[in-house]
C-alpha atoms as a PDB file:
ATOM      1  CA  UNK A   1     -71.455  58.010 -59.167  1.00  0.00           C
ATOM      2  CA  UNK A   2     -71.426  55.067 -61.608  1.00  0.00           C
ATOM      3  CA  UNK A   3     -68.476  54.824 -63.928  1.00  0.00           C
ATOM      4  CA  UNK A   4     -69.185  57.063 -66.908  1.00  0.00           C
ATOM      5  CA  UNK A   5     -68.147  54.268 -69.258  1.00  0.00           C
ATOM      6  CA  UNK A   6     -71.114  52.242 -68.057  1.00  0.00           C
ATOM      7  CA  UNK A   7     -73.659  54.851 -69.066  1.00  0.00           C
ATOM      8  CA  UNK A   8     -75.403  54.378 -72.375  1.00  0.00           C
ATOM      9  CA  UNK A   9     -74.902  50.610 -72.488  1.00  0.00           C
ATOM     10  CA  UNK A  10     -78.507  49.885 -71.541  1.00  0.00           C
ATOM     11  CA  UNK A  11     -81.304  49.800 -74.104  1.00  0.00           C
ATOM     12  CA  UNK A  12     -84.430  51.857 -73.405  1.00  0.00           C
ATOM     13  CA  UNK A  13     -86.816  49.947 -71.133  1.00  0.00           C
ATOM     14  CA  UNK A  14     -89.451  49.556 -73.843  1.00  0.00           C
ATOM     15  CA  UNK A  15     -86.931  47.697 -76.041  1.00  0.00           C
ATOM     16  CA  UNK A  16     -86.147  45.123 -73.357  1.00  0.00           C
ATOM     17  CA  UNK A  17     -88.018  42.045 -72.224  1.00  0.00           C
ATOM     18  CA  UNK A  18     -90.029  42.325 -68.996  1.00  0.00           C
ATOM     19  CA  UNK A  19     -88.505  39.988 -66.428  1.00  0.00           C
ATOM     20  CA  UNK A  20     -91.074  40.802 -63.733  1.00  0.00           C
ATOM     21  CA  UNK A  21     -94.731  41.792 -64.077  1.00  0.00           C
ATOM     22  CA  UNK A  22     -96.822  42.693 -61.033  1.00  0.00           C
ATOM     23  CA  UNK A  23    -100.575  42.865 -61.630  1.00  0.00           C
ATOM     24  CA  UNK A  24    -103.088  44.400 -59.192  1.00  0.00           C
ATOM     25  CA  UNK A  25    -101.138  43.130 -56.194  1.00  0.00           C
ATOM     26  CA  UNK A  26    -102.786  43.217 -52.764  1.00  0.00           C
ATOM     27  CA  UNK A  27    -101.131  42.040 -49.548  1.00  0.00           C
ATOM     28  CA  UNK A  28    -103.341  42.386 -46.491  1.00  0.00           C
ATOM     29  CA  UNK A  29    -102.556  41.259 -42.959  1.00  0.00           C
ATOM     30  CA  UNK A  30    -105.364  40.191 -40.658  1.00  0.00           C
ATOM     31  CA  UNK A  31    -105.498  41.872 -37.245  1.00  0.00           C
ATOM     32  CA  UNK A  32    -107.122  40.040 -34.326  1.00  0.00           C
ATOM     33  CA  UNK A  33    -108.112  41.114 -30.846  1.00  0.00           C
ATOM     34  CA  UNK A  34    -107.652  38.806 -27.899  1.00  0.00           C
ATOM     35  CA  UNK A  35    -106.194  36.249 -30.313  1.00  0.00           C
ATOM     36  CA  UNK A  36    -109.428  35.232 -32.070  1.00  0.00           C
ATOM     37  CA  UNK A  37    -111.700  38.248 -32.789  1.00  0.00           C
ATOM     38  CA  UNK A  38    -110.995  39.748 -36.204  1.00  0.00           C
ATOM     39  CA  UNK A  39    -110.486  43.503 -35.909  1.00  0.00           C
ATOM     40  CA  UNK A  40    -109.802  44.191 -39.567  1.00  0.00           C
ATOM     41  CA  UNK A  41    -107.030  44.058 -42.152  1.00  0.00           C
ATOM     42  CA  UNK A  42    -103.879  46.110 -42.589  1.00  0.00           C
ATOM     43  CA  UNK A  43    -103.795  46.852 -46.317  1.00  0.00           C
ATOM     44  CA  UNK A  44    -100.028  46.920 -46.688  1.00  0.00           C
ATOM     45  CA  UNK A  45    -100.302  46.674 -50.502  1.00  0.00           C
ATOM     46  CA  UNK A  46    -103.529  47.735 -52.154  1.00  0.00           C
ATOM     47  CA  UNK A  47    -103.477  47.370 -55.915  1.00  0.00           C
ATOM     48  CA  UNK A  48     -99.903  47.662 -57.225  1.00  0.00           C
ATOM     49  CA  UNK A  49     -99.147  47.145 -60.929  1.00  0.00           C
ATOM     50  CA  UNK A  50     -95.862  47.556 -62.803  1.00  0.00           C
ATOM     51  CA  UNK A  51     -93.301  45.860 -65.050  1.00  0.00           C
ATOM     52  CA  UNK A  52     -89.554  45.545 -64.578  1.00  0.00           C
ATOM     53  CA  UNK A  53     -87.243  44.930 -67.519  1.00  0.00           C
ATOM     54  CA  UNK A  54     -84.087  42.898 -67.906  1.00  0.00           C
ATOM     55  CA  UNK A  55     -81.040  44.955 -66.992  1.00  0.00           C
ATOM     56  CA  UNK A  56     -83.116  47.781 -65.490  1.00  0.00           C
ATOM     57  CA  UNK A  57     -82.646  49.404 -62.089  1.00  0.00           C
ATOM     58  CA  UNK A  58     -85.923  50.606 -60.618  1.00  0.00           C
ATOM     59  CA  UNK A  59     -86.147  52.756 -57.475  1.00  0.00           C
ATOM     60  CA  UNK A  60     -89.203  52.709 -55.230  1.00  0.00           C
ATOM     61  CA  UNK A  61     -89.386  55.680 -52.864  1.00  0.00           C
ATOM     62  CA  UNK A  62     -91.748  56.763 -50.114  1.00  0.00           C
ATOM     63  CA  UNK A  63     -92.186  57.364 -46.415  1.00  0.00           C
ATOM     64  CA  UNK A  64     -91.792  54.600 -43.857  1.00  0.00           C
ATOM     65  CA  UNK A  65     -94.947  52.494 -43.726  1.00  0.00           C
ATOM     66  CA  UNK A  66     -96.021  53.172 -47.312  1.00  0.00           C
ATOM     67  CA  UNK A  67     -95.645  49.507 -48.352  1.00  0.00           C
ATOM     68  CA  UNK A  68     -92.184  49.450 -49.960  1.00  0.00           C
ATOM     69  CA  UNK A  69     -90.763  46.590 -47.897  1.00  0.00           C
ATOM     70  CA  UNK A  70     -94.018  44.618 -48.069  1.00  0.00           C
ATOM     71  CA  UNK A  71     -93.831  44.863 -51.853  1.00  0.00           C
ATOM     72  CA  UNK A  72     -90.255  43.563 -51.777  1.00  0.00           C
ATOM     73  CA  UNK A  73     -91.090  40.642 -49.494  1.00  0.00           C
ATOM     74  CA  UNK A  74     -94.173  39.728 -51.519  1.00  0.00           C
ATOM     75  CA  UNK A  75     -92.076  39.620 -54.700  1.00  0.00           C
ATOM     76  CA  UNK A  76     -89.533  37.460 -52.861  1.00  0.00           C
ATOM     77  CA  UNK A  77     -92.280  35.049 -51.806  1.00  0.00           C
ATOM     78  CA  UNK A  78     -91.892  35.807 -48.093  1.00  0.00           C
ATOM     79  CA  UNK A  79     -95.482  37.108 -48.006  1.00  0.00           C
ATOM     80  CA  UNK A  80     -98.281  35.473 -49.978  1.00  0.00           C
ATOM     81  CA  UNK A  81    -100.456  38.052 -51.755  1.00  0.00           C
ATOM     82  CA  UNK A  82    -104.114  38.357 -50.821  1.00  0.00           C
ATOM     83  CA  UNK A  83    -104.960  39.082 -54.436  1.00  0.00           C
ATOM     84  CA  UNK A  84    -103.132  39.726 -57.693  1.00  0.00           C
ATOM     85  CA  UNK A  85    -100.391  38.108 -59.761  1.00  0.00           C
ATOM     86  CA  UNK A  86     -96.594  38.195 -59.932  1.00  0.00           C
ATOM     87  CA  UNK A  87     -95.063  36.931 -63.178  1.00  0.00           C
ATOM     88  CA  UNK A  88     -91.335  36.179 -63.277  1.00  0.00           C
ATOM     89  CA  UNK A  89     -90.000  35.350 -66.749  1.00  0.00           C
ATOM     90  CA  UNK A  90     -93.604  34.664 -67.769  1.00  0.00           C
ATOM     91  CA  UNK A  91     -94.435  32.281 -64.888  1.00  0.00           C
ATOM     92  CA  UNK A  92     -97.013  33.139 -62.225  1.00  0.00           C
ATOM     93  CA  UNK A  93     -94.953  32.682 -59.061  1.00  0.00           C
ATOM     94  CA  UNK A  94     -97.985  33.046 -56.776  1.00  0.00           C
ATOM     95  CA  UNK A  95     -99.148  29.590 -57.884  1.00  0.00           C
ATOM     96  CA  UNK A  96     -95.902  27.645 -57.454  1.00  0.00           C
ATOM     97  CA  UNK A  97     -95.541  24.604 -55.219  1.00  0.00           C
ATOM     98  CA  UNK A  98     -92.837  24.332 -52.552  1.00  0.00           C
ATOM     99  CA  UNK A  99     -90.101  22.984 -54.841  1.00  0.00           C
ATOM    100  CA  UNK A 100     -90.906  25.456 -57.626  1.00  0.00           C
ATOM    101  CA  UNK A 101     -90.850  28.324 -55.122  1.00  0.00           C
ATOM    102  CA  UNK A 102     -87.385  27.221 -54.011  1.00  0.00           C
ATOM    103  CA  UNK A 103     -86.190  27.303 -57.630  1.00  0.00           C
ATOM    104  CA  UNK A 104     -87.723  30.757 -58.101  1.00  0.00           C
ATOM    105  CA  UNK A 105     -86.049  32.168 -54.991  1.00  0.00           C
ATOM    106  CA  UNK A 106     -82.690  30.957 -56.264  1.00  0.00           C
ATOM    107  CA  UNK A 107     -83.127  33.350 -59.206  1.00  0.00           C
ATOM    108  CA  UNK A 108     -83.938  36.350 -57.024  1.00  0.00           C
ATOM    109  CA  UNK A 109     -81.246  37.740 -54.733  1.00  0.00           C
ATOM    110  CA  UNK A 110     -82.141  39.666 -51.581  1.00  0.00           C
ATOM    111  CA  UNK A 111     -80.006  42.418 -50.066  1.00  0.00           C
ATOM    112  CA  UNK A 112     -81.245  43.260 -46.576  1.00  0.00           C
ATOM    113  CA  UNK A 113     -81.190  46.668 -44.942  1.00  0.00           C
ATOM    114  CA  UNK A 114     -79.255  45.670 -41.832  1.00  0.00           C
ATOM    115  CA  UNK A 115     -76.019  43.764 -42.568  1.00  0.00           C
ATOM    116  CA  UNK A 116     -75.418  43.325 -38.836  1.00  0.00           C
ATOM    117  CA  UNK A 117     -78.608  41.302 -38.440  1.00  0.00           C
ATOM    118  CA  UNK A 118     -78.567  39.623 -41.853  1.00  0.00           C
ATOM    119  CA  UNK A 119     -75.430  37.519 -41.322  1.00  0.00           C
ATOM    120  CA  UNK A 120     -75.267  34.492 -38.987  1.00  0.00           C
ATOM    121  CA  UNK A 121     -72.601  35.366 -36.378  1.00  0.00           C
ATOM    122  CA  UNK A 122     -71.473  31.752 -35.915  1.00  0.00           C
ATOM    123  CA  UNK A 123     -70.554  31.184 -39.586  1.00  0.00           C
ATOM    124  CA  UNK A 124     -67.362  32.187 -41.362  1.00  0.00           C
ATOM    125  CA  UNK A 125     -67.439  34.117 -44.636  1.00  0.00           C
ATOM    126  CA  UNK A 126     -66.744  30.907 -46.536  1.00  0.00           C
ATOM    127  CA  UNK A 127     -69.569  29.033 -44.800  1.00  0.00           C
ATOM    128  CA  UNK A 128     -72.020  31.920 -45.315  1.00  0.00           C
ATOM    129  CA  UNK A 129     -71.372  31.817 -49.068  1.00  0.00           C
ATOM    130  CA  UNK A 130     -71.360  28.037 -49.273  1.00  0.00           C
ATOM    131  CA  UNK A 131     -74.688  27.610 -47.459  1.00  0.00           C
ATOM    132  CA  UNK A 132     -77.024  28.827 -50.276  1.00  0.00           C
ATOM    133  CA  UNK A 133     -75.282  26.507 -52.725  1.00  0.00           C
ATOM    134  CA  UNK A 134     -75.694  23.495 -50.434  1.00  0.00           C
ATOM    135  CA  UNK A 135     -79.380  24.303 -49.939  1.00  0.00           C
ATOM    136  CA  UNK A 136     -79.885  24.494 -53.694  1.00  0.00           C
ATOM    137  CA  UNK A 137     -78.015  21.305 -54.559  1.00  0.00           C
ATOM    138  CA  UNK A 138     -74.719  22.762 -55.795  1.00  0.00           C
ATOM    139  CA  UNK A 139     -72.425  20.213 -54.159  1.00  0.00           C
ATOM    140  CA  UNK A 140     -69.440  20.159 -56.517  1.00  0.00           C
ATOM    141  CA  UNK A 141     -66.494  21.466 -54.472  1.00  0.00           C
ATOM    142  CA  UNK A 142     -64.698  23.030 -57.436  1.00  0.00           C
ATOM    143  CA  UNK A 143     -67.858  24.842 -58.534  1.00  0.00           C
ATOM    144  CA  UNK A 144     -68.422  26.114 -55.008  1.00  0.00           C
ATOM    145  CA  UNK A 145     -64.859  27.445 -54.821  1.00  0.00           C
ATOM    146  CA  UNK A 146     -65.167  29.080 -58.233  1.00  0.00           C
ATOM    147  CA  UNK A 147     -68.348  30.894 -57.290  1.00  0.00           C
ATOM    148  CA  UNK A 148     -67.056  31.976 -53.891  1.00  0.00           C
ATOM    149  CA  UNK A 149     -63.866  33.414 -55.392  1.00  0.00           C
ATOM    150  CA  UNK A 150     -65.825  35.128 -58.162  1.00  0.00           C
ATOM    151  CA  UNK A 151     -68.325  36.903 -55.885  1.00  0.00           C
ATOM    152  CA  UNK A 152     -65.661  37.958 -53.387  1.00  0.00           C
ATOM    153  CA  UNK A 153     -63.620  39.446 -56.208  1.00  0.00           C
ATOM    154  CA  UNK A 154     -66.693  41.261 -57.532  1.00  0.00           C
ATOM    155  CA  UNK A 155     -67.556  42.821 -54.171  1.00  0.00           C
ATOM    156  CA  UNK A 156     -63.865  43.639 -53.559  1.00  0.00           C
ATOM    157  CA  UNK A 157     -63.303  41.609 -50.417  1.00  0.00           C
ATOM    158  CA  UNK A 158     -59.638  40.871 -50.991  1.00  0.00           C
ATOM    159  CA  UNK A 159     -57.255  39.239 -50.427  1.00  0.00           C
ATOM    160  CA  UNK A 160     -59.796  36.431 -50.557  1.00  0.00           C
ATOM    161  CA  UNK A 161     -57.795  34.017 -48.392  1.00  0.00           C
ATOM    162  CA  UNK A 162     -57.784  36.566 -45.575  1.00  0.00           C
ATOM    163  CA  UNK A 163     -61.565  36.994 -45.584  1.00  0.00           C
ATOM    164  CA  UNK A 164     -62.682  33.346 -45.947  1.00  0.00           C
ATOM    165  CA  UNK A 165     -62.031  32.354 -42.287  1.00  0.00           C
ATOM    166  CA  UNK A 166     -63.374  35.581 -40.771  1.00  0.00           C
ATOM    167  CA  UNK A 167     -66.652  35.862 -38.836  1.00  0.00           C
ATOM    168  CA  UNK A 168     -69.066  38.773 -39.448  1.00  0.00           C
ATOM    169  CA  UNK A 169     -68.075  40.609 -36.251  1.00  0.00           C
ATOM    170  CA  UNK A 170     -64.543  40.840 -37.606  1.00  0.00           C
ATOM    171  CA  UNK A 171     -65.728  42.903 -40.589  1.00  0.00           C
ATOM    172  CA  UNK A 172     -66.573  46.601 -40.811  1.00  0.00           C
ATOM    173  CA  UNK A 173     -70.129  47.689 -41.668  1.00  0.00           C
ATOM    174  CA  UNK A 174     -69.219  48.268 -45.304  1.00  0.00           C
ATOM    175  CA  UNK A 175     -67.471  44.898 -45.535  1.00  0.00           C
ATOM    176  CA  UNK A 176     -70.506  43.183 -43.994  1.00  0.00           C
ATOM    177  CA  UNK A 177     -72.795  44.750 -46.601  1.00  0.00           C
ATOM    178  CA  UNK A 178     -70.404  43.655 -49.356  1.00  0.00           C
ATOM    179  CA  UNK A 179     -70.690  40.129 -47.962  1.00  0.00           C
ATOM    180  CA  UNK A 180     -74.511  40.399 -48.000  1.00  0.00           C
ATOM    181  CA  UNK A 181     -74.286  41.392 -51.669  1.00  0.00           C
ATOM    182  CA  UNK A 182     -71.898  38.500 -52.375  1.00  0.00           C
ATOM    183  CA  UNK A 183     -74.350  36.072 -50.775  1.00  0.00           C
ATOM    184  CA  UNK A 184     -77.185  37.501 -52.879  1.00  0.00           C
ATOM    185  CA  UNK A 185     -75.087  36.940 -56.025  1.00  0.00           C
ATOM    186  CA  UNK A 186     -73.752  33.451 -55.232  1.00  0.00           C
ATOM    187  CA  UNK A 187     -76.612  31.637 -57.016  1.00  0.00           C
ATOM    188  CA  UNK A 188     -76.218  33.874 -60.106  1.00  0.00           C
ATOM    189  CA  UNK A 189     -79.684  35.476 -59.908  1.00  0.00           C
ATOM    190  CA  UNK A 190     -81.541  37.357 -62.630  1.00  0.00           C
ATOM    191  CA  UNK A 191     -83.127  39.877 -60.240  1.00  0.00           C
ATOM    192  CA  UNK A 192     -81.859  41.631 -57.116  1.00  0.00           C
ATOM    193  CA  UNK A 193     -84.182  43.144 -54.518  1.00  0.00           C
ATOM    194  CA  UNK A 194     -82.272  45.675 -52.409  1.00  0.00           C
ATOM    195  CA  UNK A 195     -84.295  46.891 -49.419  1.00  0.00           C
ATOM    196  CA  UNK A 196     -82.673  50.084 -48.068  1.00  0.00           C
ATOM    197  CA  UNK A 197     -79.193  48.566 -48.692  1.00  0.00           C
ATOM    198  CA  UNK A 198     -77.191  51.617 -47.587  1.00  0.00           C
ATOM    199  CA  UNK A 199     -79.335  53.237 -44.889  1.00  0.00           C
ATOM    200  CA  UNK A 200     -77.328  51.636 -42.058  1.00  0.00           C
ATOM    201  CA  UNK A 201     -73.958  52.712 -43.443  1.00  0.00           C
ATOM    202  CA  UNK A 202     -71.822  55.825 -43.131  1.00  0.00           C
ATOM    203  CA  UNK A 203     -72.282  58.393 -45.897  1.00  0.00           C
ATOM    204  CA  UNK A 204     -68.829  57.728 -47.383  1.00  0.00           C
ATOM    205  CA  UNK A 205     -69.491  53.985 -47.568  1.00  0.00           C
ATOM    206  CA  UNK A 206     -72.929  54.451 -49.164  1.00  0.00           C
ATOM    207  CA  UNK A 207     -71.367  55.820 -52.337  1.00  0.00           C
ATOM    208  CA  UNK A 208     -69.039  52.837 -52.632  1.00  0.00           C
ATOM    209  CA  UNK A 209     -71.844  50.307 -52.135  1.00  0.00           C
ATOM    210  CA  UNK A 210     -74.106  51.971 -54.703  1.00  0.00           C
ATOM    211  CA  UNK A 211     -71.241  52.128 -57.200  1.00  0.00           C
ATOM    212  CA  UNK A 212     -70.622  48.433 -56.570  1.00  0.00           C
ATOM    213  CA  UNK A 213     -74.287  47.522 -57.125  1.00  0.00           C
ATOM    214  CA  UNK A 214     -74.405  49.579 -60.302  1.00  0.00           C
ATOM    215  CA  UNK A 215     -71.316  47.844 -61.697  1.00  0.00           C
ATOM    216  CA  UNK A 216     -72.736  44.403 -60.834  1.00  0.00           C
ATOM    217  CA  UNK A 217     -75.966  45.383 -62.577  1.00  0.00           C
ATOM    218  CA  UNK A 218     -74.159  46.232 -65.804  1.00  0.00           C
ATOM    219  CA  UNK A 219     -71.710  43.322 -65.690  1.00  0.00           C
ATOM    220  CA  UNK A 220     -74.499  40.734 -65.286  1.00  0.00           C
ATOM    221  CA  UNK A 221     -77.383  42.547 -67.023  1.00  0.00           C
ATOM    222  CA  UNK A 222     -79.291  42.297 -63.748  1.00  0.00           C
ATOM    223  CA  UNK A 223     -82.683  43.745 -62.994  1.00  0.00           C
ATOM    224  CA  UNK A 224     -82.638  45.541 -59.637  1.00  0.00           C
ATOM    225  CA  UNK A 225     -85.421  46.848 -57.413  1.00  0.00           C
ATOM    226  CA  UNK A 226     -83.889  49.486 -55.161  1.00  0.00           C
ATOM    227  CA  UNK A 227     -86.113  50.425 -52.224  1.00  0.00           C
ATOM    228  CA  UNK A 228     -85.260  53.593 -50.340  1.00  0.00           C
ATOM    229  CA  UNK A 229     -86.539  56.702 -48.606  1.00  0.00           C
ATOM    230  CA  UNK A 230     -83.277  58.520 -49.371  1.00  0.00           C
ATOM    231  CA  UNK A 231     -83.993  60.543 -52.509  1.00  0.00           C
ATOM    232  CA  UNK A 232     -80.438  61.853 -52.621  1.00  0.00           C
ATOM    233  CA  UNK A 233     -79.245  58.472 -53.958  1.00  0.00           C
ATOM    234  CA  UNK A 234     -81.896  57.531 -56.546  1.00  0.00           C
ATOM    235  CA  UNK A 235     -80.710  59.986 -59.179  1.00  0.00           C
ATOM    236  CA  UNK A 236     -77.425  58.082 -59.457  1.00  0.00           C
ATOM    237  CA  UNK A 237     -78.798  54.595 -59.452  1.00  0.00           C
ATOM    238  CA  UNK A 238     -81.997  53.980 -61.404  1.00  0.00           C
ATOM    239  CA  UNK A 239     -83.525  54.301 -64.849  1.00  0.00           C
ATOM    240  CA  UNK A 240     -87.035  54.750 -63.421  1.00  0.00           C
ATOM    241  CA  UNK A 241     -88.487  55.891 -60.108  1.00  0.00           C
ATOM    242  CA  UNK A 242     -91.835  54.914 -58.581  1.00  0.00           C
ATOM    243  CA  UNK A 243     -93.331  56.927 -55.748  1.00  0.00           C
ATOM    244  CA  UNK A 244     -95.463  55.064 -53.155  1.00  0.00           C
ATOM    245  CA  UNK A 245     -97.996  56.424 -50.693  1.00  0.00           C
ATOM    246  CA  UNK A 246    -100.583  54.616 -48.597  1.00  0.00           C
ATOM    247  CA  UNK A 247     -99.836  51.166 -50.093  1.00  0.00           C
ATOM    248  CA  UNK A 248    -100.248  52.390 -53.667  1.00  0.00           C
ATOM    249  CA  UNK A 249     -97.895  53.526 -56.431  1.00  0.00           C
ATOM    250  CA  UNK A 250     -98.950  57.094 -57.149  1.00  0.00           C
ATOM    251  CA  UNK A 251     -96.333  58.154 -59.712  1.00  0.00           C
ATOM    252  CA  UNK A 252     -94.121  56.379 -62.250  1.00  0.00           C
ATOM    253  CA  UNK A 253     -91.508  58.158 -64.318  1.00  0.00           C
ATOM    254  CA  UNK A 254     -88.076  58.006 -65.824  1.00  0.00           C
ATOM    255  CA  UNK A 255     -85.463  59.257 -63.375  1.00  0.00           C
ATOM    256  CA  UNK A 256     -84.697  62.274 -65.535  1.00  0.00           C
ATOM    257  CA  UNK A 257     -88.350  63.287 -65.838  1.00  0.00           C
ATOM    258  CA  UNK A 258     -89.159  62.845 -62.160  1.00  0.00           C
ATOM    259  CA  UNK A 259     -86.135  64.791 -60.950  1.00  0.00           C
ATOM    260  CA  UNK A 260     -86.903  67.617 -63.370  1.00  0.00           C
ATOM    261  CA  UNK A 261     -90.632  67.828 -62.704  1.00  0.00           C
ATOM    262  CA  UNK A 262     -92.361  65.583 -60.147  1.00  0.00           C
ATOM    263  CA  UNK A 263     -96.094  65.615 -60.875  1.00  0.00           C
ATOM    264  CA  UNK A 264     -97.998  64.162 -57.943  1.00  0.00           C
ATOM    265  CA  UNK A 265     -98.350  66.609 -54.994  1.00  0.00           C
ATOM    266  CA  UNK A 266     -96.969  63.932 -52.670  1.00  0.00           C
ATOM    267  CA  UNK A 267     -93.896  63.299 -54.826  1.00  0.00           C
ATOM    268  CA  UNK A 268     -93.275  67.045 -54.953  1.00  0.00           C
ATOM    269  CA  UNK A 269     -93.523  67.200 -51.167  1.00  0.00           C
ATOM    270  CA  UNK A 270     -91.152  64.259 -50.854  1.00  0.00           C
ATOM    271  CA  UNK A 271     -88.521  66.053 -52.899  1.00  0.00           C
ATOM    272  CA  UNK A 272     -89.103  69.304 -51.016  1.00  0.00           C
ATOM    273  CA  UNK A 273     -88.329  67.462 -47.786  1.00  0.00           C
ATOM    274  CA  UNK A 274     -85.049  66.086 -49.130  1.00  0.00           C
ATOM    275  CA  UNK A 275     -81.963  67.605 -47.553  1.00  0.00           C
ATOM    276  CA  UNK A 276     -80.155  70.009 -49.875  1.00  0.00           C
ATOM    277  CA  UNK A 277     -76.341  70.280 -49.814  1.00  0.00           C
ATOM    278  CA  UNK A 278     -76.503  73.835 -51.171  1.00  0.00           C
ATOM    279  CA  UNK A 279     -76.276  76.176 -48.166  1.00  0.00           C
ATOM    280  CA  UNK A 280     -77.981  78.985 -50.102  1.00  0.00           C
ATOM    281  CA  UNK A 281     -81.147  76.938 -50.386  1.00  0.00           C
ATOM    282  CA  UNK A 282     -81.331  76.553 -46.622  1.00  0.00           C
ATOM    283  CA  UNK A 283     -82.339  80.223 -46.391  1.00  0.00           C
ATOM    284  CA  UNK A 284     -85.702  79.394 -47.967  1.00  0.00           C
ATOM    285  CA  UNK A 285     -88.096  77.490 -45.751  1.00  0.00           C
ATOM    286  CA  UNK A 286     -89.651  74.571 -47.603  1.00  0.00           C
ATOM    287  CA  UNK A 287     -93.227  73.791 -46.671  1.00  0.00           C
ATOM    288  CA  UNK A 288     -94.214  70.149 -46.345  1.00  0.00           C
ATOM    289  CA  UNK A 289     -97.766  68.784 -45.991  1.00  0.00           C
ATOM    290  CA  UNK A 290     -99.191  68.775 -42.498  1.00  0.00           C
ATOM    291  CA  UNK A 291    -100.559  65.580 -41.023  1.00  0.00           C
ATOM    292  CA  UNK A 292     -99.549  61.950 -40.950  1.00  0.00           C
ATOM    293  CA  UNK A 293     -99.592  59.074 -43.477  1.00  0.00           C
ATOM    294  CA  UNK A 294    -102.971  57.310 -43.623  1.00  0.00           C
ATOM    295  CA  UNK A 295    -103.941  54.333 -41.516  1.00  0.00           C
ATOM    296  CA  UNK A 296    -103.608  51.228 -43.679  1.00  0.00           C
ATOM    297  CA  UNK A 297    -106.240  49.535 -41.548  1.00  0.00           C
ATOM    298  CA  UNK A 298    -108.801  52.274 -42.153  1.00  0.00           C
ATOM    299  CA  UNK A 299    -107.587  54.272 -45.178  1.00  0.00           C
ATOM    300  CA  UNK A 300    -109.444  57.414 -46.294  1.00  0.00           C
ATOM    301  CA  UNK A 301    -111.841  57.260 -49.216  1.00  0.00           C
ATOM    302  CA  UNK A 302    -110.761  58.532 -52.610  1.00  0.00           C
ATOM    303  CA  UNK A 303    -107.128  59.547 -53.035  1.00  0.00           C
ATOM    304  CA  UNK A 304    -105.215  58.529 -49.934  1.00  0.00           C
ATOM    305  CA  UNK A 305    -103.212  61.738 -49.999  1.00  0.00           C
ATOM    306  CA  UNK A 306    -106.227  64.068 -50.138  1.00  0.00           C
ATOM    307  CA  UNK A 307    -106.392  64.817 -46.364  1.00  0.00           C
ATOM    308  CA  UNK A 308    -102.894  66.363 -46.623  1.00  0.00           C
ATOM    309  CA  UNK A 309    -103.094  67.790 -50.147  1.00  0.00           C
ATOM    310  CA  UNK A 310    -103.326  71.556 -50.717  1.00  0.00           C
ATOM    311  CA  UNK A 311    -104.653  70.948 -54.256  1.00  0.00           C
ATOM    312  CA  UNK A 312    -107.468  68.603 -53.238  1.00  0.00           C
ATOM    313  CA  UNK A 313    -110.599  68.893 -55.414  1.00  0.00           C
ATOM    314  CA  UNK A 314    -113.651  68.618 -53.102  1.00  0.00           C
ATOM    315  CA  UNK A 315    -116.213  66.045 -54.183  1.00  0.00           C
ATOM    316  CA  UNK A 316    -113.683  64.222 -56.359  1.00  0.00           C
ATOM    317  CA  UNK A 317    -110.359  63.613 -54.609  1.00  0.00           C
ATOM    318  CA  UNK A 318    -112.136  62.724 -51.364  1.00  0.00           C
ATOM    319  CA  UNK A 319    -114.558  60.305 -53.024  1.00  0.00           C
ATOM    320  CA  UNK A 320    -113.014  58.682 -56.093  1.00  0.00           C
ATOM    321  CA  UNK A 321    -109.759  56.710 -56.261  1.00  0.00           C
ATOM    322  CA  UNK A 322    -107.774  58.285 -59.118  1.00  0.00           C
ATOM    323  CA  UNK A 323    -106.661  55.999 -61.938  1.00  0.00           C
ATOM    324  CA  UNK A 324    -103.190  56.240 -63.447  1.00  0.00           C
ATOM    325  CA  UNK A 325    -103.036  59.050 -66.017  1.00  0.00           C
ATOM    326  CA  UNK A 326    -100.297  59.233 -68.642  1.00  0.00           C
ATOM    327  CA  UNK A 327     -99.129  62.843 -68.509  1.00  0.00           C
ATOM    328  CA  UNK A 328     -96.045  62.604 -70.752  1.00  0.00           C
ATOM    329  CA  UNK A 329     -94.384  59.819 -72.741  1.00  0.00           C
ATOM    330  CA  UNK A 330     -92.430  58.641 -69.696  1.00  0.00           C
ATOM    331  CA  UNK A 331     -94.439  59.970 -66.746  1.00  0.00           C
ATOM    332  CA  UNK A 332     -97.633  58.658 -65.135  1.00  0.00           C
ATOM    333  CA  UNK A 333     -99.498  60.041 -62.107  1.00  0.00           C
ATOM    334  CA  UNK A 334    -102.480  58.715 -60.142  1.00  0.00           C
ATOM    335  CA  UNK A 335    -103.885  62.171 -59.472  1.00  0.00           C
ATOM    336  CA  UNK A 336    -107.134  63.863 -60.541  1.00  0.00           C
ATOM    337  CA  UNK A 337    -105.209  67.035 -61.411  1.00  0.00           C
ATOM    338  CA  UNK A 338    -104.175  65.280 -64.631  1.00  0.00           C
ATOM    339  CA  UNK A 339    -107.531  63.806 -65.635  1.00  0.00           C
ATOM    340  CA  UNK A 340    -107.595  65.813 -68.886  1.00  0.00           C
ATOM    341  CA  UNK A 341    -103.989  65.051 -69.911  1.00  0.00           C
END
């Protein structure tokens, strides 16, 4: 998918500087009955730790409800964590005041899942792109015009003069998502958080949008967090893939390693459930784990996948939360099967 000339330009992750560090992050939401009686907490994130490097694209995959979007919104500052730290360029962003939080958010672009709902219908393209600059004190007219022209050229909404006066309803779905990307780039961020950015688009348009994001990543040395449940796209987009289940990251690996040999039983099941374009493979029925994802209000003890896992070790998996084991140089799994690795 990405232009072949772009490949190989990135340094290995370990040779780059971490731009984002998430440490033991918990985001819980209180549930009340009758408006005042506490019924418990929904543990939407329950101990997430990772680093993201400058210029790296990281994919986070998992079923709906596993905590992917909560992680994105907590990083963006839309949810305040219950516990844990988020460091951006070395600064703990969970402790910022209102003005500092505003400055932080200007450095982190957000690409929403639904372009139809993400754009104000009463604003023109020009006004939509000008608004973030006005909010963040960029009032110079020439600078505003320069940035608007630059981002529209980058997302290939041309001729620019034709698009500036248009309203969102006058654009196709793909054009609307390009505008969402342009708005995310208008403040020249260092990090992009893309939450299911192509799931609402036609299959043919998805490829174009992912190619566009990949090119923007390379051109600006951007770090990108790509959140998706569509495993057919991650192989073309990211350097590393994290698998999430039950509000926890249960496997981390380079894209090449994970696609070749997923380790965690859940990650294997996730790939087994992915649609396969090869008609010959449709003749073989692929078994997937029975059952449902765990309740995040009352999660099971031990490994959260153990009630659905065919390789569950009685007395261990159902009692003890597995730590993260390093299985290979670029592959980690939170699974007791690898305790002697």
